[in-house]
Structure formats: C-alpha cells, structure tokens
Amino acid sequence: MNQEQDLEKFITKFGGMTEEYVFYGGEVRIRYDTDNHVYLLVLEDGSLEVVNGVTSVCHIIDKSIVLIPWAVKMMAQKIQAIIPSIDALQGLNYDSFIDAVNSAKSAHKEKLDEAGNIGHIAHAWIEEYIQAQIEKDEAKSWYLLKNFPSDPRANNACNAALEWMENHNVRWLFTERKVYSRNHKYAGTMDGLCQVDSCKDPLCCPNVFKDHVAIADWKTSNYLYPEYLMQTAAYQHSYEEETGEVVDDRWIIRLGKDDAKFEAWHLESDTYEDDWNAFLQALQLVRAFDKIENRLIDLKDIYRKGKKAKNKEEKEISLKLKCKTAHKYKGQRVPNCNGGNPCEYCLNKYNEVQAAKKPKEPKPRKQKLTQEDIIKNLMNLAKSA
C-alpha cells in the first residue's frame, strides 16, 4: 500500500476531514479535521502530524476574570426566571429550591451554545455573501441580501457587517482563507483579506488612508478580548511568510446581535510587533505546557502499570494463602486449586480432615496352610467322626 492509500485509509477510519489545503507552491499540505478543529500536517511519508491552531494557542490566555462573573450572572438570571417572585419562592419546598439552583448551574453553557449557534449562522451568511462579491456574482449577492438569516440576532450581526463594509468601501480578496507558518508550525483560518479605505468617523479612523490591504476578523461575542490582537497578528505573519505580500493593518469587528451596530478595533501597522511577539510567547507556553502534560501522562502511565503489577503480585500472594474457592472446599479430596498449586488454606484443611478420620482396623490376614497343617486338620476331623 502506497503513501496516498495509507493517508486515505487514515482519513476513512477517523473521518471528519475536509479537502486538502496546499501552501508554499505545493511544498506543504495541510488537512483540517472539522469535527475536532485540528490541523494536520501531511509529512513526506504520508503520515499526519498535529500542528498548533491559532485559536487554540490564544485560548491559553486566562479570561476567567471576565467569564466567571458573567457565568454567575447567567445563573442568577435563570434562577430569577424559575422563581420570578417572592410568592413563587414561598410556594417552594427545600427540595424544589435545590432543584432550581442545580438547574441554573448550566445556564452559562446554554448561553454559550445559543451564542455559538447565532455566531455560526451569521458567519456562514457573511462568508457566502463575501464569496459572491469576490466572484462578482450580482445575482447571488442580491439573493442573499433579500434572504437574511431568520434568527433576528444573526440578522442583526449580518447587518452590522454590511455597515462596516459600506463605511470602509471594502473590496474582498479572500474569505475563510487557511494559513500556515512553515517557520513556526502553526495553522489557522482568517475570516477575510480585503482592501479597505478609511471612513469619515475620526473615532474609528483617525488617520485617512486608501486601499490598505487588511485582515478582517468577525466577532459575535459580547466583548473584544486582547487575545484577538494576537490571533490576527498570527494570521498576518503566516500569510506574509508564505506569500511575501505585505498586510497594512488588521480589523477586529464585533457585530452587535442586539442593535445591528458594529464595534471595530483598527490595528495599524505599528501595533503588529507587540501582538505578534505576544502570540509567539503564547505558542511557546502552549508547547512547553504540552511537554509537561505529556511527561505527566507518561508518569501516570508508569504509576498505573506499576500499581497494576503490584496489585497482581499481591493477588497472587493472597491466592497462595487462600484461593477463590477455599470457602467451598471440604477437605475430602486432595486439593487441586490454583492450577495444581494448592493454597495453604486448602492444604491445611485437607490435612485436618484426614487427621480427624478414624483409622480403619486392618483385616486379619489369611495364613497359608502348610502340608503338615492340612494333615493335622484331617486327623482331627477323623477323630471327631
């Protein structure tokens, strides 16, 4: 079986992989596992090697200072929805109240799932619209504009994206483009690459510019987090490394799901170095942590195997003292437990039982009569006659 067949066999077995992505003029091939969001580098022998993903690297940044209070707030809101009034509270017994509290514990997960679904719907529509713009397919563009997502919050996010495009005279070059850094071995997917002009709002664009090549990254979250700067810097570095082209700046656009307005971070060229260095350090930390975690996994495996061997040894010693069937053994027959190596308990039991039995009296042995005895017996019989 050749390398390509080996690769296809792997893909068939584990599934969930998209088509292949090619970089550096065909010198690098990447496959993406859509189910697990994992990037896989195709090696020369056809095997696959997991490489770091940009988003996963940025997840190492701690957001608990924001997320924990938010999660508590979501829980409180759900409890208030379940128990809307003091009268409702007074009508509850203790068990019902505990049930309500336990039910509210998952409120933050439900909210995240809801937000994720809305974000996915909005991203999908925006991607399709941008692709129609790139292909100059006016009919499809008009169709999409007349058929916004039915979910009102996803609809608002799409309108916010269109407003940003219109305000900045955006001309799209790519959408959902995969990127890979051969020097640093990480991969990612940037939402879009485009040409952008400054808008008339000095708060958004304090400096006037035209035809800037920019990376655009859509966010439907309620906040703009600093790690987004690192994320877009990683996209910029990998794109420039592969193509040799220069990216002028980066845009992180938060799309309002409630008010259909956008909030944009315009990151000009002088911000790139700091953001890129922060990503590099996060990448190093992720890899250092992975090494530690893998070492701990190995240590745990050694400990587990050692404990298993010790338990086996202790079990064997225990069986030598008393086998599993010892409680049934009555000591009548020679013990044959433990595969013919009887345990001490059964041996002792056997000896005790055998010792307790009454010894059988030996039967008198019949003596063989001699010729002299036979003659004597005949003479005695004759006399008695």
Protein backbone atom coordinates (compact mmCIF):
# COMPACT_ATOMS: atom_id res chain seq x y z
CA MET A 1 0.00 0.00 0.00
CA ASN A 2 1.48 3.39 -1.04
CA GLN A 3 1.59 6.61 0.98
CA GLU A 4 -1.54 8.11 -0.58
CA GLN A 5 -3.51 4.95 0.15
CA ASP A 6 -2.23 4.98 3.75
CA LEU A 7 -3.39 8.58 4.11
CA GLU A 8 -6.81 7.92 2.63
CA LYS A 9 -7.19 4.85 4.86
CA PHE A 10 -6.44 7.03 7.91
CA ILE A 11 -8.96 9.62 6.78
CA THR A 12 -11.63 6.98 6.11
CA LYS A 13 -11.06 5.48 9.56
CA PHE A 14 -11.15 8.69 11.59
CA GLY A 15 -13.34 10.81 9.31
CA GLY A 16 -14.28 14.46 9.72
CA MET A 17 -11.57 15.82 7.42
CA THR A 18 -12.01 18.41 4.72
CA GLU A 19 -10.24 18.61 1.43
CA GLU A 20 -6.51 19.16 1.42
CA TYR A 21 -5.02 22.68 1.63
CA VAL A 22 -1.77 23.41 -0.19
CA PHE A 23 0.80 26.06 0.77
CA TYR A 24 4.19 27.30 -0.42
CA GLY A 25 3.64 26.32 -4.05
CA GLY A 26 2.59 22.78 -3.18
CA GLU A 27 5.52 22.09 -0.83
CA VAL A 28 3.26 21.96 2.25
CA ARG A 29 -0.04 20.12 2.57
CA ILE A 30 -2.45 20.54 5.48
CA ARG A 31 -5.63 18.65 6.30
CA TYR A 32 -8.22 20.03 8.68
CA ASP A 33 -10.35 17.88 10.97
CA THR A 34 -13.59 19.87 11.08
CA ASP A 35 -15.13 17.79 13.87
CA ASN A 36 -12.29 18.34 16.33
CA HIS A 37 -10.92 21.60 14.86
CA VAL A 38 -7.45 20.13 14.43
CA TYR A 39 -4.88 20.97 11.75
CA LEU A 40 -2.78 18.07 10.46
CA LEU A 41 0.46 18.45 8.53
CA VAL A 42 0.97 15.80 5.84
CA LEU A 43 4.55 14.54 6.22
CA GLU A 44 6.75 13.17 3.41
CA ASP A 45 5.91 9.56 4.29
CA GLY A 46 2.18 10.32 4.16
CA SER A 47 1.67 10.26 7.93
CA LEU A 48 -0.11 13.10 9.71
CA GLU A 49 1.29 15.37 12.42
CA VAL A 50 -0.90 17.62 14.56
CA VAL A 51 0.16 21.28 14.42
CA ASN A 52 -0.95 24.09 16.71
CA GLY A 53 -4.02 26.05 15.71
CA VAL A 54 -4.04 29.83 16.14
CA THR A 55 -7.31 29.95 18.08
CA SER A 56 -6.27 27.08 20.36
CA VAL A 57 -3.00 28.83 21.17
CA CYS A 58 -4.83 32.01 22.11
CA HIS A 59 -7.14 30.05 24.43
CA ILE A 60 -4.25 29.72 26.89
CA ILE A 61 -4.90 33.35 27.86
CA ASP A 62 -6.93 33.37 31.07
CA LYS A 63 -10.35 35.03 30.68
CA SER A 64 -11.78 33.88 34.00
CA ILE A 65 -11.74 37.42 35.41
CA VAL A 66 -14.49 38.21 32.89
CA LEU A 67 -16.13 34.83 32.35
CA ILE A 68 -16.66 33.82 35.99
CA PRO A 69 -18.73 36.94 36.91
CA TRP A 70 -20.63 36.52 33.63
CA ALA A 71 -21.36 32.84 34.40
CA VAL A 72 -22.60 33.81 37.88
CA LYS A 73 -24.82 36.45 36.30
CA MET A 74 -26.29 33.88 33.88
CA MET A 75 -27.02 31.54 36.78
CA ALA A 76 -28.69 34.32 38.76
CA GLN A 77 -30.85 35.27 35.78
CA LYS A 78 -32.01 31.69 35.30
CA ILE A 79 -32.89 31.31 38.99
CA GLN A 80 -34.90 34.54 38.74
CA ALA A 81 -36.68 33.14 35.68
CA ILE A 82 -37.52 29.90 37.51
CA ILE A 83 -38.55 31.74 40.70
CA PRO A 84 -39.88 35.06 39.41
CA SER A 85 -41.44 36.36 42.63
CA ILE A 86 -41.37 36.14 46.43
CA ASP A 87 -44.72 34.36 46.26
CA ALA A 88 -43.24 31.71 43.98
CA LEU A 89 -40.32 31.33 46.39
CA GLN A 90 -42.62 30.86 49.36
CA GLY A 91 -44.51 28.16 47.48
CA LEU A 92 -41.36 26.07 47.06
CA ASN A 93 -40.20 23.38 49.42
CA TYR A 94 -36.49 22.88 50.09
CA ASP A 95 -36.05 20.09 47.52
CA SER A 96 -37.71 22.15 44.77
CA PHE A 97 -35.49 25.11 45.57
CA ILE A 98 -32.35 22.92 45.35
CA ASP A 99 -33.59 21.55 42.01
CA ALA A 100 -33.96 25.12 40.72
CA VAL A 101 -30.42 26.03 41.83
CA ASN A 102 -28.94 22.88 40.26
CA SER A 103 -30.82 23.55 37.04
CA ALA A 104 -29.40 27.09 36.91
CA LYS A 105 -25.81 25.81 37.20
CA SER A 106 -25.76 25.08 33.46
CA ALA A 107 -27.14 28.48 32.43
CA HIS A 108 -23.76 29.73 31.16
CA LYS A 109 -23.32 26.66 28.93
CA GLU A 110 -26.78 27.12 27.47
CA LYS A 111 -26.00 30.77 26.76
CA LEU A 112 -22.69 29.87 25.12
CA ASP A 113 -24.37 27.25 22.94
CA GLU A 114 -27.02 29.78 21.91
CA ALA A 115 -24.39 32.42 21.13
CA GLY A 116 -22.32 29.86 19.22
CA ASN A 117 -25.29 28.92 17.05
CA ILE A 118 -26.05 32.58 16.31
CA GLY A 119 -22.40 33.25 15.52
CA HIS A 120 -22.22 30.24 13.21
CA ILE A 121 -25.35 31.32 11.31
CA ALA A 122 -24.04 34.88 10.92
CA HIS A 123 -20.55 33.78 9.89
CA ALA A 124 -21.95 31.39 7.29
CA TRP A 125 -24.13 34.10 5.70
CA ILE A 126 -21.29 36.66 5.71
CA GLU A 127 -18.88 34.16 4.15
CA GLU A 128 -21.36 33.31 1.41
CA TYR A 129 -22.01 36.99 0.70
CA ILE A 130 -18.28 37.82 0.56
CA GLN A 131 -17.66 34.89 -1.80
CA ALA A 132 -20.39 36.22 -4.11
CA GLN A 133 -18.69 39.64 -4.02
CA ILE A 134 -15.30 38.11 -4.88
CA GLU A 135 -16.83 36.19 -7.78
CA LYS A 136 -18.74 39.36 -8.83
CA ASP A 137 -21.92 37.31 -8.78
CA GLU A 138 -24.50 40.10 -8.53
CA ALA A 139 -27.48 37.77 -8.73
CA LYS A 140 -26.30 35.75 -5.73
CA SER A 141 -25.42 38.91 -3.81
CA TRP A 142 -28.92 40.31 -4.34
CA TYR A 143 -30.45 36.95 -3.41
CA LEU A 144 -28.52 36.88 -0.12
CA LEU A 145 -29.44 40.50 0.65
CA LYS A 146 -33.12 39.57 0.25
CA ASN A 147 -32.70 36.40 2.33
CA PHE A 148 -31.07 37.30 5.62
CA PRO A 149 -30.91 34.68 8.40
CA SER A 150 -34.31 34.16 10.01
CA ASP A 151 -32.84 34.38 13.51
CA PRO A 152 -33.20 38.07 14.47
CA ARG A 153 -29.89 38.26 16.35
CA ALA A 154 -27.96 36.62 13.50
CA ASN A 155 -29.79 39.02 11.16
CA ASN A 156 -28.54 41.98 13.24
CA ALA A 157 -24.96 40.69 13.12
CA CYS A 158 -25.09 40.42 9.31
CA ASN A 159 -26.44 43.97 9.02
CA ALA A 160 -23.62 45.21 11.24
CA ALA A 161 -21.07 43.50 8.96
CA LEU A 162 -22.61 45.12 5.87
CA GLU A 163 -22.50 48.54 7.55
CA TRP A 164 -18.76 48.16 8.24
CA MET A 165 -18.15 47.07 4.63
CA GLU A 166 -20.09 50.01 3.25
CA ASN A 167 -18.50 52.59 5.55
CA HIS A 168 -14.99 51.47 4.57
CA ASN A 169 -15.52 50.73 0.86
CA VAL A 170 -14.36 47.15 1.42
CA ARG A 171 -13.20 45.10 -1.60
CA TRP A 172 -12.68 41.45 -0.76
CA LEU A 173 -9.69 39.36 -1.84
CA PHE A 174 -10.27 36.16 0.18
CA THR A 175 -12.73 34.72 2.67
CA GLU A 176 -12.14 31.89 5.16
CA ARG A 177 -8.56 31.51 3.94
CA LYS A 178 -6.39 28.83 5.56
CA VAL A 179 -2.90 29.96 6.56
CA TYR A 180 0.20 28.05 7.68
CA SER A 181 3.58 29.16 9.02
CA ARG A 182 6.33 26.79 7.98
CA ASN A 183 8.85 28.55 10.25
CA HIS A 184 6.71 28.26 13.39
CA LYS A 185 4.50 25.25 12.51
CA TYR A 186 1.05 26.61 13.27
CA ALA A 187 -2.09 26.91 11.15
CA GLY A 188 -5.31 28.87 11.20
CA THR A 189 -8.25 30.27 9.26
CA MET A 190 -8.60 34.00 8.82
CA ASP A 191 -12.09 35.33 8.16
CA GLY A 192 -11.06 37.55 5.30
CA LEU A 193 -8.45 39.60 3.47
CA CYS A 194 -9.59 42.80 1.80
CA GLN A 195 -8.77 46.29 0.61
CA VAL A 196 -10.11 49.00 2.92
CA ASP A 197 -10.45 52.79 2.90
CA SER A 198 -10.77 54.96 5.98
CA CYS A 199 -14.27 56.03 6.99
CA LYS A 200 -15.47 59.50 7.93
CA ASP A 201 -15.66 58.75 11.66
CA PRO A 202 -12.44 60.02 13.35
CA LEU A 203 -13.08 57.75 16.33
CA CYS A 204 -12.92 54.74 14.01
CA CYS A 205 -10.29 56.00 11.55
CA PRO A 206 -8.29 58.93 12.99
CA ASN A 207 -5.85 58.69 10.05
CA VAL A 208 -7.01 59.00 6.46
CA PHE A 209 -5.93 56.10 4.19
CA LYS A 210 -6.94 54.36 0.99
CA ASP A 211 -6.52 50.86 -0.48
CA HIS A 212 -4.97 49.33 2.64
CA VAL A 213 -4.63 45.56 2.45
CA ALA A 214 -6.15 44.38 5.71
CA ILE A 215 -7.10 41.24 7.61
CA ALA A 216 -10.71 41.32 8.83
CA ASP A 217 -11.86 39.14 11.71
CA TRP A 218 -15.54 38.93 12.69
CA LYS A 219 -16.56 38.55 16.32
CA THR A 220 -20.10 37.99 17.60
CA SER A 221 -19.07 37.83 21.26
CA ASN A 222 -20.23 40.49 23.72
CA TYR A 223 -16.67 41.65 24.39
CA LEU A 224 -13.48 42.32 22.48
CA TYR A 225 -10.68 40.40 24.16
CA PRO A 226 -6.94 41.24 23.92
CA GLU A 227 -6.18 37.76 22.57
CA TYR A 228 -7.94 38.75 19.33
CA LEU A 229 -4.96 41.03 18.64
CA MET A 230 -2.60 38.07 18.96
CA GLN A 231 -4.84 35.95 16.77
CA THR A 232 -4.90 38.40 13.85
CA ALA A 233 -1.13 39.05 14.18
CA ALA A 234 -0.57 35.29 13.78
CA TYR A 235 -2.71 35.30 10.62
CA GLN A 236 -0.75 38.26 9.27
CA HIS A 237 2.63 36.67 9.94
CA SER A 238 1.77 33.33 8.32
CA TYR A 239 0.20 34.99 5.26
CA GLU A 240 3.18 37.30 4.74
CA GLU A 241 5.64 34.45 5.36
CA GLU A 242 4.08 32.28 2.66
CA THR A 243 3.18 34.87 0.02
CA GLY A 244 5.78 37.61 0.57
CA GLU A 245 2.94 40.14 0.35
CA VAL A 246 2.56 42.95 2.90
CA VAL A 247 -0.53 43.38 5.06
CA ASP A 248 -1.05 47.03 6.05
CA ASP A 249 -3.32 46.60 9.05
CA ARG A 250 -5.88 44.45 10.83
CA TRP A 251 -9.53 44.90 11.74
CA ILE A 252 -11.38 43.14 14.54
CA ILE A 253 -15.08 43.84 14.12
CA ARG A 254 -17.57 42.97 16.83
CA LEU A 255 -21.01 42.53 15.31
CA GLY A 256 -23.90 43.65 17.51
CA LYS A 257 -26.51 40.92 17.80
CA ASP A 258 -28.98 43.19 19.58
CA ASP A 259 -28.51 46.61 17.94
CA ALA A 260 -27.14 45.65 14.47
CA LYS A 261 -24.19 48.00 15.05
CA PHE A 262 -20.51 47.21 14.73
CA GLU A 263 -17.67 47.95 17.12
CA ALA A 264 -14.29 47.90 15.40
CA TRP A 265 -10.68 47.74 16.54
CA HIS A 266 -8.50 49.13 13.80
CA LEU A 267 -4.97 47.84 14.36
CA GLU A 268 -2.47 49.80 12.33
CA SER A 269 0.98 48.57 11.29
CA ASP A 270 2.77 49.94 14.38
CA THR A 271 0.77 47.55 16.61
CA TYR A 272 1.83 44.38 14.81
CA GLU A 273 5.17 43.62 16.53
CA ASP A 274 3.76 43.69 20.06
CA ASP A 275 0.81 41.49 19.11
CA TRP A 276 2.97 39.04 17.15
CA ASN A 277 5.50 38.72 19.99
CA ALA A 278 2.65 38.07 22.42
CA PHE A 279 1.37 35.27 20.16
CA LEU A 280 4.86 33.77 19.87
CA GLN A 281 5.18 33.68 23.65
CA ALA A 282 1.75 32.09 23.96
CA LEU A 283 2.79 29.50 21.35
CA GLN A 284 5.97 28.72 23.31
CA LEU A 285 3.96 28.44 26.52
CA VAL A 286 1.45 26.06 24.90
CA ARG A 287 4.24 23.83 23.64
CA ALA A 288 6.10 23.93 26.96
CA PHE A 289 2.86 23.05 28.74
CA ASP A 290 2.22 20.21 26.28
CA LYS A 291 5.66 18.76 27.08
CA ILE A 292 4.94 18.92 30.80
CA GLU A 293 1.48 17.42 30.31
CA ASN A 294 2.85 14.59 28.14
CA ARG A 295 5.51 13.87 30.74
CA LEU A 296 2.85 13.70 33.42
CA ILE A 297 0.82 11.36 31.23
CA ASP A 298 3.88 9.10 30.90
CA LEU A 299 4.47 9.25 34.66
CA LYS A 300 0.82 8.42 35.34
CA ASP A 301 1.07 5.54 32.88
CA ILE A 302 4.19 4.20 34.63
CA TYR A 303 2.47 4.58 38.00
CA ARG A 304 -0.68 2.88 36.70
CA LYS A 305 1.30 -0.04 35.28
CA GLY A 306 3.37 -0.30 38.47
CA LYS A 307 0.25 -0.27 40.61
CA LYS A 308 -1.36 -2.88 38.37
CA ALA A 309 1.73 -5.12 38.66
CA LYS A 310 1.78 -4.64 42.43
CA ASN A 311 -1.91 -5.49 42.72
CA LYS A 312 -1.34 -8.58 40.61
CA GLU A 313 1.55 -9.67 42.82
CA GLU A 314 -0.48 -9.06 45.97
CA LYS A 315 -3.37 -11.01 44.48
CA GLU A 316 -1.10 -13.93 43.62
CA ILE A 317 0.28 -13.93 47.18
CA SER A 318 -3.26 -13.79 48.54
CA LEU A 319 -4.33 -16.72 46.35
CA LYS A 320 -1.38 -18.75 47.55
CA LEU A 321 -2.66 -18.26 51.07
CA LYS A 322 -6.33 -18.75 50.26
CA CYS A 323 -7.76 -19.45 46.82
CA LYS A 324 -11.08 -18.16 45.46
CA THR A 325 -12.87 -21.48 46.01
CA ALA A 326 -11.48 -22.10 49.51
CA HIS A 327 -14.85 -21.40 51.14
CA LYS A 328 -16.35 -24.35 49.20
CA TYR A 329 -13.53 -26.81 49.79
CA LYS A 330 -14.37 -29.55 52.36
CA GLY A 331 -11.02 -31.32 52.52
CA GLN A 332 -12.26 -34.70 51.34
CA ARG A 333 -10.13 -34.91 48.22
CA VAL A 334 -6.58 -33.84 47.56
CA PRO A 335 -6.76 -30.09 46.75
CA ASN A 336 -6.10 -29.03 43.17
CA CYS A 337 -6.72 -25.25 43.29
CA ASN A 338 -4.54 -22.53 41.69
CA GLY A 339 -3.92 -24.71 38.66
CA GLY A 340 -2.46 -27.61 40.63
CA ASN A 341 -0.54 -25.47 43.15
CA PRO A 342 -2.92 -25.69 46.09
CA CYS A 343 -3.15 -22.81 48.53
CA GLU A 344 -2.10 -23.12 52.16
CA TYR A 345 -5.69 -22.94 53.37
CA CYS A 346 -6.82 -25.91 51.29
CA LEU A 347 -3.74 -27.95 52.17
CA ASN A 348 -4.29 -27.32 55.88
CA LYS A 349 -7.97 -28.11 55.51
CA TYR A 350 -7.19 -31.38 53.79
CA ASN A 351 -4.68 -32.40 56.45
CA GLU A 352 -7.11 -31.53 59.26
CA VAL A 353 -9.96 -33.50 57.71
CA GLN A 354 -7.80 -36.51 57.00
CA ALA A 355 -6.32 -36.46 60.50
CA ALA A 356 -9.78 -36.35 62.05
CA LYS A 357 -10.95 -39.51 60.30
CA LYS A 358 -10.95 -42.80 62.42
CA PRO A 359 -8.25 -45.14 61.21
CA LYS A 360 -9.61 -48.35 59.65
CA GLU A 361 -8.78 -51.59 61.53
CA PRO A 362 -6.71 -53.85 59.34
CA LYS A 363 -8.43 -57.04 58.18
CA PRO A 364 -6.82 -60.26 59.56
CA ARG A 365 -4.56 -61.72 57.01
CA LYS A 366 -5.33 -65.27 55.90
CA GLN A 367 -2.40 -67.54 56.68
CA LYS A 368 -1.38 -70.04 54.05
CA LEU A 369 -1.75 -73.63 55.37
CA THR A 370 1.24 -75.85 55.17
CA GLN A 371 1.07 -79.60 54.23
CA GLU A 372 1.65 -80.52 57.88
CA ASP A 373 -1.31 -78.30 58.94
CA ILE A 374 -3.57 -79.94 56.36
CA ILE A 375 -2.69 -83.49 57.61
CA LYS A 376 -3.24 -82.39 61.24
CA ASN A 377 -6.65 -80.92 60.40
CA LEU A 378 -7.69 -84.12 58.57
CA MET A 379 -6.67 -86.25 61.54
CA ASN A 380 -8.69 -84.06 63.91
CA LEU A 381 -11.73 -84.38 61.65
CA ALA A 382 -11.31 -88.18 61.62
CA LYS A 383 -11.16 -88.39 65.41
CA SER A 384 -14.24 -86.29 65.80
CA ALA A 385 -16.07 -88.55 63.36
